[in-house]
Structures are given as C-alpha cells and as structure tokens.
Amino acid sequence: VISSHDYQEPKESQAFWDHLQREEPF
C-alpha cells in the first residue's frame, strides 16, 4: 500500500510514477 504523501507528489504528477517505480520496480 503506497500513499502519494510518502513521496510528497500526487498521482497527477509525473514525479509520482518515477518514485513508484524506484520503490516497486515494474
């Protein structure tokens, strides 16, 4: 379970997905 607040970026931001892939290499 990941909250965008963990990254300080909302899912509407491209930076969110960058952070997500670093944590969850998909």
PDB file of all heavy atoms in Angstrom:
ATOM      1  N   VAL A   1       0.863  -1.192   0.000  1.00  0.00           N
ATOM      2  CA  VAL A   1       0.000   0.000   0.000  1.00  0.00           C
ATOM      3  C   VAL A   1       0.893   1.233   0.000  1.00  0.00           C
ATOM      4  O   VAL A   1       1.720   1.414   0.902  1.00  0.00           O
ATOM      5  CB  VAL A   1      -0.930   0.038   1.231  1.00  0.00           C
ATOM      6  CG1 VAL A   1      -1.787   1.299   1.199  1.00  0.00           C
ATOM      7  CG2 VAL A   1      -1.796  -1.214   1.300  1.00  0.00           C
ATOM      8  N   ILE A   2       0.716   2.083  -1.005  1.00  0.00           N
ATOM      9  CA  ILE A   2       1.534   3.295  -1.138  1.00  0.00           C
ATOM     10  C   ILE A   2       0.621   4.517  -1.181  1.00  0.00           C
ATOM     11  O   ILE A   2      -0.358   4.554  -1.932  1.00  0.00           O
ATOM     12  CB  ILE A   2       2.397   3.234  -2.412  1.00  0.00           C
ATOM     13  CG1 ILE A   2       3.475   2.155  -2.252  1.00  0.00           C
ATOM     14  CG2 ILE A   2       3.027   4.588  -2.715  1.00  0.00           C
ATOM     15  CD1 ILE A   2       4.209   1.816  -3.521  1.00  0.00           C
ATOM     16  N   SER A   3       0.930   5.504  -0.362  1.00  0.00           N
ATOM     17  CA  SER A   3       0.236   6.794  -0.405  1.00  0.00           C
ATOM     18  C   SER A   3       1.133   7.802  -1.115  1.00  0.00           C
ATOM     19  O   SER A   3       2.351   7.825  -0.900  1.00  0.00           O
ATOM     20  CB  SER A   3      -0.058   7.281   1.023  1.00  0.00           C
ATOM     21  OG  SER A   3      -0.390   8.659   1.012  1.00  0.00           O
ATOM     22  N   SER A   4       0.538   8.650  -1.933  1.00  0.00           N
ATOM     23  CA  SER A   4       1.324   9.681  -2.623  1.00  0.00           C
ATOM     24  C   SER A   4       2.010  10.614  -1.627  1.00  0.00           C
ATOM     25  O   SER A   4       3.022  11.242  -1.948  1.00  0.00           O
ATOM     26  CB  SER A   4       0.434  10.483  -3.570  1.00  0.00           C
ATOM     27  OG  SER A   4      -0.601  11.134  -2.867  1.00  0.00           O
ATOM     28  N   HIS A   5       1.476  10.674  -0.398  1.00  0.00           N
ATOM     29  CA  HIS A   5       2.110  11.506   0.632  1.00  0.00           C
ATOM     30  C   HIS A   5       3.467  10.947   1.039  1.00  0.00           C
ATOM     31  O   HIS A   5       4.308  11.685   1.554  1.00  0.00           O
ATOM     32  CB  HIS A   5       1.186  11.629   1.847  1.00  0.00           C
ATOM     33  CG  HIS A   5      -0.072  12.378   1.528  1.00  0.00           C
ATOM     34  ND1 HIS A   5      -0.248  13.715   1.799  1.00  0.00           N
ATOM     35  CD2 HIS A   5      -1.221  11.971   0.932  1.00  0.00           C
ATOM     36  CE1 HIS A   5      -1.442  14.102   1.383  1.00  0.00           C
ATOM     37  NE2 HIS A   5      -2.050  13.061   0.856  1.00  0.00           N
ATOM     38  N   ASP A   6       3.690   9.655   0.789  1.00  0.00           N
ATOM     39  CA  ASP A   6       5.010   9.068   1.059  1.00  0.00           C
ATOM     40  C   ASP A   6       6.079   9.724   0.184  1.00  0.00           C
ATOM     41  O   ASP A   6       7.248   9.798   0.562  1.00  0.00           O
ATOM     42  CB  ASP A   6       5.003   7.556   0.765  1.00  0.00           C
ATOM     43  CG  ASP A   6       3.976   6.792   1.572  1.00  0.00           C
ATOM     44  OD1 ASP A   6       3.501   7.322   2.600  1.00  0.00           O
ATOM     45  OD2 ASP A   6       3.650   5.653   1.180  1.00  0.00           O
ATOM     46  N   TYR A   7       5.661  10.161  -1.014  1.00  0.00           N
ATOM     47  CA  TYR A   7       6.589  10.747  -1.985  1.00  0.00           C
ATOM     48  C   TYR A   7       6.482  12.262  -2.062  1.00  0.00           C
ATOM     49  O   TYR A   7       7.247  12.898  -2.782  1.00  0.00           O
ATOM     50  CB  TYR A   7       6.312  10.184  -3.383  1.00  0.00           C
ATOM     51  CG  TYR A   7       6.339   8.685  -3.502  1.00  0.00           C
ATOM     52  CD1 TYR A   7       5.512   8.036  -4.426  1.00  0.00           C
ATOM     53  CD2 TYR A   7       7.184   7.898  -2.712  1.00  0.00           C
ATOM     54  CE1 TYR A   7       5.532   6.664  -4.570  1.00  0.00           C
ATOM     55  CE2 TYR A   7       7.201   6.520  -2.851  1.00  0.00           C
ATOM     56  CZ  TYR A   7       6.374   5.902  -3.776  1.00  0.00           C
ATOM     57  OH  TYR A   7       6.388   4.536  -3.922  1.00  0.00           O
ATOM     58  N   GLN A   8       5.482  12.829  -1.386  1.00  0.00           N
ATOM     59  CA  GLN A   8       5.208  14.266  -1.469  1.00  0.00           C
ATOM     60  C   GLN A   8       4.898  14.706  -2.905  1.00  0.00           C
ATOM     61  O   GLN A   8       5.205  15.834  -3.318  1.00  0.00           O
ATOM     62  CB  GLN A   8       6.384  15.085  -0.904  1.00  0.00           C
ATOM     63  CG  GLN A   8       6.576  14.931   0.593  1.00  0.00           C
ATOM     64  CD  GLN A   8       5.323  15.383   1.378  1.00  0.00           C
ATOM     65  OE1 GLN A   8       4.924  16.542   1.308  1.00  0.00           O
ATOM     66  NE2 GLN A   8       4.711  14.464   2.097  1.00  0.00           N
ATOM     67  N   GLU A   9       4.290  13.786  -3.658  1.00  0.00           N
ATOM     68  CA  GLU A   9       3.859  14.079  -5.026  1.00  0.00           C
ATOM     69  C   GLU A   9       2.527  13.386  -5.269  1.00  0.00           C
ATOM     70  O   GLU A   9       2.397  12.192  -4.987  1.00  0.00           O
ATOM     71  CB  GLU A   9       4.879  13.543  -6.049  1.00  0.00           C
ATOM     72  CG  GLU A   9       6.234  14.211  -6.033  1.00  0.00           C
ATOM     73  CD  GLU A   9       6.229  15.584  -6.700  1.00  0.00           C
ATOM     74  OE1 GLU A   9       5.189  15.963  -7.285  1.00  0.00           O
ATOM     75  OE2 GLU A   9       7.266  16.262  -6.633  1.00  0.00           O
ATOM     76  N   PRO A  10       1.515  14.090  -5.797  1.00  0.00           N
ATOM     77  CA  PRO A  10       0.243  13.436  -6.099  1.00  0.00           C
ATOM     78  C   PRO A  10       0.369  12.569  -7.346  1.00  0.00           C
ATOM     79  O   PRO A  10       1.293  12.746  -8.154  1.00  0.00           O
ATOM     80  CB  PRO A  10      -0.709  14.616  -6.344  1.00  0.00           C
ATOM     81  CG  PRO A  10       0.181  15.685  -6.901  1.00  0.00           C
ATOM     82  CD  PRO A  10       1.498  15.523  -6.172  1.00  0.00           C
ATOM     83  N   LYS A  11      -0.577  11.661  -7.528  1.00  0.00           N
ATOM     84  CA  LYS A  11      -0.540  10.770  -8.693  1.00  0.00           C
ATOM     85  C   LYS A  11      -0.704  11.543 -10.006  1.00  0.00           C
ATOM     86  O   LYS A  11      -0.337  11.036 -11.065  1.00  0.00           O
ATOM     87  CB  LYS A  11      -1.640   9.706  -8.586  1.00  0.00           C
ATOM     88  CG  LYS A  11      -1.394   8.695  -7.481  1.00  0.00           C
ATOM     89  CD  LYS A  11      -2.369   7.526  -7.535  1.00  0.00           C
ATOM     90  CE  LYS A  11      -3.782   7.937  -7.232  1.00  0.00           C
ATOM     91  NZ  LYS A  11      -4.721   6.795  -7.252  1.00  0.00           N
ATOM     92  N   GLU A  12      -1.250  12.744  -9.939  1.00  0.00           N
ATOM     93  CA  GLU A  12      -1.376  13.573 -11.144  1.00  0.00           C
ATOM     94  C   GLU A  12      -0.019  14.054 -11.647  1.00  0.00           C
ATOM     95  O   GLU A  12       0.095  14.537 -12.778  1.00  0.00           O
ATOM     96  CB  GLU A  12      -2.267  14.783 -10.847  1.00  0.00           C
ATOM     97  CG  GLU A  12      -3.735  14.454 -10.640  1.00  0.00           C
ATOM     98  CD  GLU A  12      -4.098  14.054  -9.214  1.00  0.00           C
ATOM     99  OE1 GLU A  12      -3.179  13.717  -8.415  1.00  0.00           O
ATOM    100  OE2 GLU A  12      -5.291  14.066  -8.880  1.00  0.00           O
ATOM    101  N   SER A  13       1.015  13.922 -10.819  1.00  0.00           N
ATOM    102  CA  SER A  13       2.366  14.371 -11.166  1.00  0.00           C
ATOM    103  C   SER A  13       3.185  13.231 -11.781  1.00  0.00           C
ATOM    104  O   SER A  13       3.109  12.089 -11.328  1.00  0.00           O
ATOM    105  CB  SER A  13       3.065  14.881  -9.897  1.00  0.00           C
ATOM    106  OG  SER A  13       4.461  14.928 -10.067  1.00  0.00           O
ATOM    107  N   GLN A  14       3.971  13.548 -12.779  1.00  0.00           N
ATOM    108  CA  GLN A  14       4.858  12.538 -13.375  1.00  0.00           C
ATOM    109  C   GLN A  14       5.897  12.044 -12.367  1.00  0.00           C
ATOM    110  O   GLN A  14       6.327  10.890 -12.412  1.00  0.00           O
ATOM    111  CB  GLN A  14       5.567  13.121 -14.604  1.00  0.00           C
ATOM    112  CG  GLN A  14       4.643  13.455 -15.758  1.00  0.00           C
ATOM    113  CD  GLN A  14       4.039  12.215 -16.403  1.00  0.00           C
ATOM    114  OE1 GLN A  14       4.702  11.548 -17.180  1.00  0.00           O
ATOM    115  NE2 GLN A  14       2.793  11.899 -16.073  1.00  0.00           N
ATOM    116  N   ALA A  15       6.264  12.909 -11.440  1.00  0.00           N
ATOM    117  CA  ALA A  15       7.265  12.530 -10.434  1.00  0.00           C
ATOM    118  C   ALA A  15       6.769  11.396  -9.548  1.00  0.00           C
ATOM    119  O   ALA A  15       7.564  10.590  -9.052  1.00  0.00           O
ATOM    120  CB  ALA A  15       7.639  13.740  -9.575  1.00  0.00           C
ATOM    121  N   PHE A  16       5.442  11.309  -9.329  1.00  0.00           N
ATOM    122  CA  PHE A  16       4.902  10.211  -8.515  1.00  0.00           C
ATOM    123  C   PHE A  16       5.293   8.866  -9.103  1.00  0.00           C
ATOM    124  O   PHE A  16       5.738   7.959  -8.389  1.00  0.00           O
ATOM    125  CB  PHE A  16       3.374  10.303  -8.414  1.00  0.00           C
ATOM    126  CG  PHE A  16       2.768   9.079  -7.776  1.00  0.00           C
ATOM    127  CD1 PHE A  16       2.670   8.983  -6.396  1.00  0.00           C
ATOM    128  CD2 PHE A  16       2.331   7.999  -8.549  1.00  0.00           C
ATOM    129  CE1 PHE A  16       2.149   7.835  -5.795  1.00  0.00           C
ATOM    130  CE2 PHE A  16       1.802   6.856  -7.957  1.00  0.00           C
ATOM    131  CZ  PHE A  16       1.714   6.782  -6.584  1.00  0.00           C
ATOM    132  N   TRP A  17       5.120   8.715 -10.415  1.00  0.00           N
ATOM    133  CA  TRP A  17       5.373   7.430 -11.069  1.00  0.00           C
ATOM    134  C   TRP A  17       6.866   7.098 -11.054  1.00  0.00           C
ATOM    135  O   TRP A  17       7.242   5.924 -10.961  1.00  0.00           O
ATOM    136  CB  TRP A  17       4.802   7.443 -12.488  1.00  0.00           C
ATOM    137  CG  TRP A  17       3.355   7.826 -12.480  1.00  0.00           C
ATOM    138  CD1 TRP A  17       2.817   9.040 -12.832  1.00  0.00           C
ATOM    139  CD2 TRP A  17       2.252   7.032 -12.018  1.00  0.00           C
ATOM    140  NE1 TRP A  17       1.453   9.041 -12.635  1.00  0.00           N
ATOM    141  CE2 TRP A  17       1.070   7.822 -12.146  1.00  0.00           C
ATOM    142  CE3 TRP A  17       2.142   5.729 -11.529  1.00  0.00           C
ATOM    143  CZ2 TRP A  17      -0.185   7.344 -11.789  1.00  0.00           C
ATOM    144  CZ3 TRP A  17       0.881   5.254 -11.173  1.00  0.00           C
ATOM    145  CH2 TRP A  17      -0.264   6.055 -11.310  1.00  0.00           C
ATOM    146  N   ASP A  18       7.707   8.144 -11.147  1.00  0.00           N
ATOM    147  CA  ASP A  18       9.159   7.920 -11.022  1.00  0.00           C
ATOM    148  C   ASP A  18       9.490   7.344  -9.652  1.00  0.00           C
ATOM    149  O   ASP A  18      10.243   6.368  -9.532  1.00  0.00           O
ATOM    150  CB  ASP A  18       9.919   9.240 -11.221  1.00  0.00           C
ATOM    151  CG  ASP A  18       9.811   9.794 -12.628  1.00  0.00           C
ATOM    152  OD1 ASP A  18       9.606   9.004 -13.569  1.00  0.00           O
ATOM    153  OD2 ASP A  18       9.921  11.029 -12.784  1.00  0.00           O
ATOM    154  N   HIS A  19       8.942   7.952  -8.608  1.00  0.00           N
ATOM    155  CA  HIS A  19       9.148   7.465  -7.236  1.00  0.00           C
ATOM    156  C   HIS A  19       8.630   6.035  -7.096  1.00  0.00           C
ATOM    157  O   HIS A  19       9.277   5.178  -6.497  1.00  0.00           O
ATOM    158  CB  HIS A  19       8.412   8.362  -6.229  1.00  0.00           C
ATOM    159  CG  HIS A  19       9.083   9.650  -5.923  1.00  0.00           C
ATOM    160  ND1 HIS A  19      10.287   9.728  -5.244  1.00  0.00           N
ATOM    161  CD2 HIS A  19       8.716  10.937  -6.193  1.00  0.00           C
ATOM    162  CE1 HIS A  19      10.632  11.000  -5.105  1.00  0.00           C
ATOM    163  NE2 HIS A  19       9.699  11.746  -5.673  1.00  0.00           N
ATOM    164  N   LEU A  20       7.433   5.804  -7.639  1.00  0.00           N
ATOM    165  CA  LEU A  20       6.810   4.490  -7.509  1.00  0.00           C
ATOM    166  C   LEU A  20       7.671   3.407  -8.145  1.00  0.00           C
ATOM    167  O   LEU A  20       7.854   2.334  -7.561  1.00  0.00           O
ATOM    168  CB  LEU A  20       5.424   4.510  -8.157  1.00  0.00           C
ATOM    169  CG  LEU A  20       4.664   3.187  -8.145  1.00  0.00           C
ATOM    170  CD1 LEU A  20       4.342   2.757  -6.714  1.00  0.00           C
ATOM    171  CD2 LEU A  20       3.382   3.294  -8.968  1.00  0.00           C
ATOM    172  N   GLN A  21       8.198   3.674  -9.325  1.00  0.00           N
ATOM    173  CA  GLN A  21       8.986   2.636  -9.990  1.00  0.00           C
ATOM    174  C   GLN A  21      10.287   2.352  -9.260  1.00  0.00           C
ATOM    175  O   GLN A  21      10.780   1.224  -9.276  1.00  0.00           O
ATOM    176  CB  GLN A  21       9.268   2.994 -11.451  1.00  0.00           C
ATOM    177  CG  GLN A  21       9.794   1.781 -12.226  1.00  0.00           C
ATOM    178  CD  GLN A  21       9.989   2.051 -13.672  1.00  0.00           C
ATOM    179  OE1 GLN A  21      10.602   3.047 -14.038  1.00  0.00           O
ATOM    180  NE2 GLN A  21       9.488   1.169 -14.521  1.00  0.00           N
ATOM    181  N   ARG A  22      10.821   3.361  -8.580  1.00  0.00           N
ATOM    182  CA  ARG A  22      12.028   3.102  -7.780  1.00  0.00           C
ATOM    183  C   ARG A  22      11.708   2.190  -6.599  1.00  0.00           C
ATOM    184  O   ARG A  22      12.528   1.354  -6.209  1.00  0.00           O
ATOM    185  CB  ARG A  22      12.640   4.425  -7.293  1.00  0.00           C
ATOM    186  CG  ARG A  22      13.409   5.172  -8.378  1.00  0.00           C
ATOM    187  CD  ARG A  22      14.271   6.275  -7.807  1.00  0.00           C
ATOM    188  NE  ARG A  22      13.490   7.407  -7.329  1.00  0.00           N
ATOM    189  CZ  ARG A  22      13.114   8.432  -8.096  1.00  0.00           C
ATOM    190  NH1 ARG A  22      13.424   8.459  -9.378  1.00  0.00           N
ATOM    191  NH2 ARG A  22      12.426   9.436  -7.582  1.00  0.00           N
ATOM    192  N   GLU A  23      10.518   2.362  -6.007  1.00  0.00           N
ATOM    193  CA  GLU A  23      10.135   1.523  -4.871  1.00  0.00           C
ATOM    194  C   GLU A  23       9.590   0.176  -5.319  1.00  0.00           C
ATOM    195  O   GLU A  23       9.809  -0.844  -4.656  1.00  0.00           O
ATOM    196  CB  GLU A  23       9.081   2.243  -4.016  1.00  0.00           C
ATOM    197  CG  GLU A  23       8.698   1.455  -2.774  1.00  0.00           C
ATOM    198  CD  GLU A  23       7.873   2.257  -1.785  1.00  0.00           C
ATOM    199  OE1 GLU A  23       7.705   3.484  -1.977  1.00  0.00           O
ATOM    200  OE2 GLU A  23       7.402   1.664  -0.811  1.00  0.00           O
ATOM    201  N   GLU A  24       8.877   0.170  -6.430  1.00  0.00           N
ATOM    202  CA  GLU A  24       8.233  -1.037  -6.960  1.00  0.00           C
ATOM    203  C   GLU A  24       8.699  -1.219  -8.401  1.00  0.00           C
ATOM    204  O   GLU A  24       8.029  -0.780  -9.331  1.00  0.00           O
ATOM    205  CB  GLU A  24       6.705  -0.873  -6.942  1.00  0.00           C
ATOM    206  CG  GLU A  24       6.059  -1.105  -5.619  1.00  0.00           C
ATOM    207  CD  GLU A  24       5.893  -2.582  -5.304  1.00  0.00           C
ATOM    208  OE1 GLU A  24       5.928  -3.409  -6.239  1.00  0.00           O
ATOM    209  OE2 GLU A  24       5.743  -2.912  -4.127  1.00  0.00           O
ATOM    210  N   PRO A  25       9.841  -1.839  -8.627  1.00  0.00           N
ATOM    211  CA  PRO A  25      10.368  -1.931  -9.998  1.00  0.00           C
ATOM    212  C   PRO A  25       9.457  -2.773 -10.906  1.00  0.00           C
ATOM    213  O   PRO A  25       9.514  -3.990 -10.904  1.00  0.00           O
ATOM    214  CB  PRO A  25      11.732  -2.613  -9.804  1.00  0.00           C
ATOM    215  CG  PRO A  25      12.056  -2.449  -8.353  1.00  0.00           C
ATOM    216  CD  PRO A  25      10.735  -2.456  -7.648  1.00  0.00           C
ATOM    217  N   PHE A  26       8.583  -2.108 -11.653  1.00  0.00           N
ATOM    218  CA  PHE A  26       7.645  -2.794 -12.526  1.00  0.00           C
ATOM    219  C   PHE A  26       7.911  -2.427 -13.977  1.00  0.00           C
ATOM    220  O   PHE A  26       8.479  -1.375 -14.280  1.00  0.00           O
ATOM    221  CB  PHE A  26       6.201  -2.444 -12.142  1.00  0.00           C
ATOM    222  CG  PHE A  26       5.882  -0.964 -12.198  1.00  0.00           C
ATOM    223  CD1 PHE A  26       5.458  -0.370 -13.375  1.00  0.00           C
ATOM    224  CD2 PHE A  26       6.008  -0.168 -11.064  1.00  0.00           C
ATOM    225  CE1 PHE A  26       5.171   0.994 -13.428  1.00  0.00           C
ATOM    226  CE2 PHE A  26       5.714   1.191 -11.102  1.00  0.00           C
ATOM    227  CZ  PHE A  26       5.300   1.771 -12.301  1.00  0.00           C
TER     228      PHE A  26
END
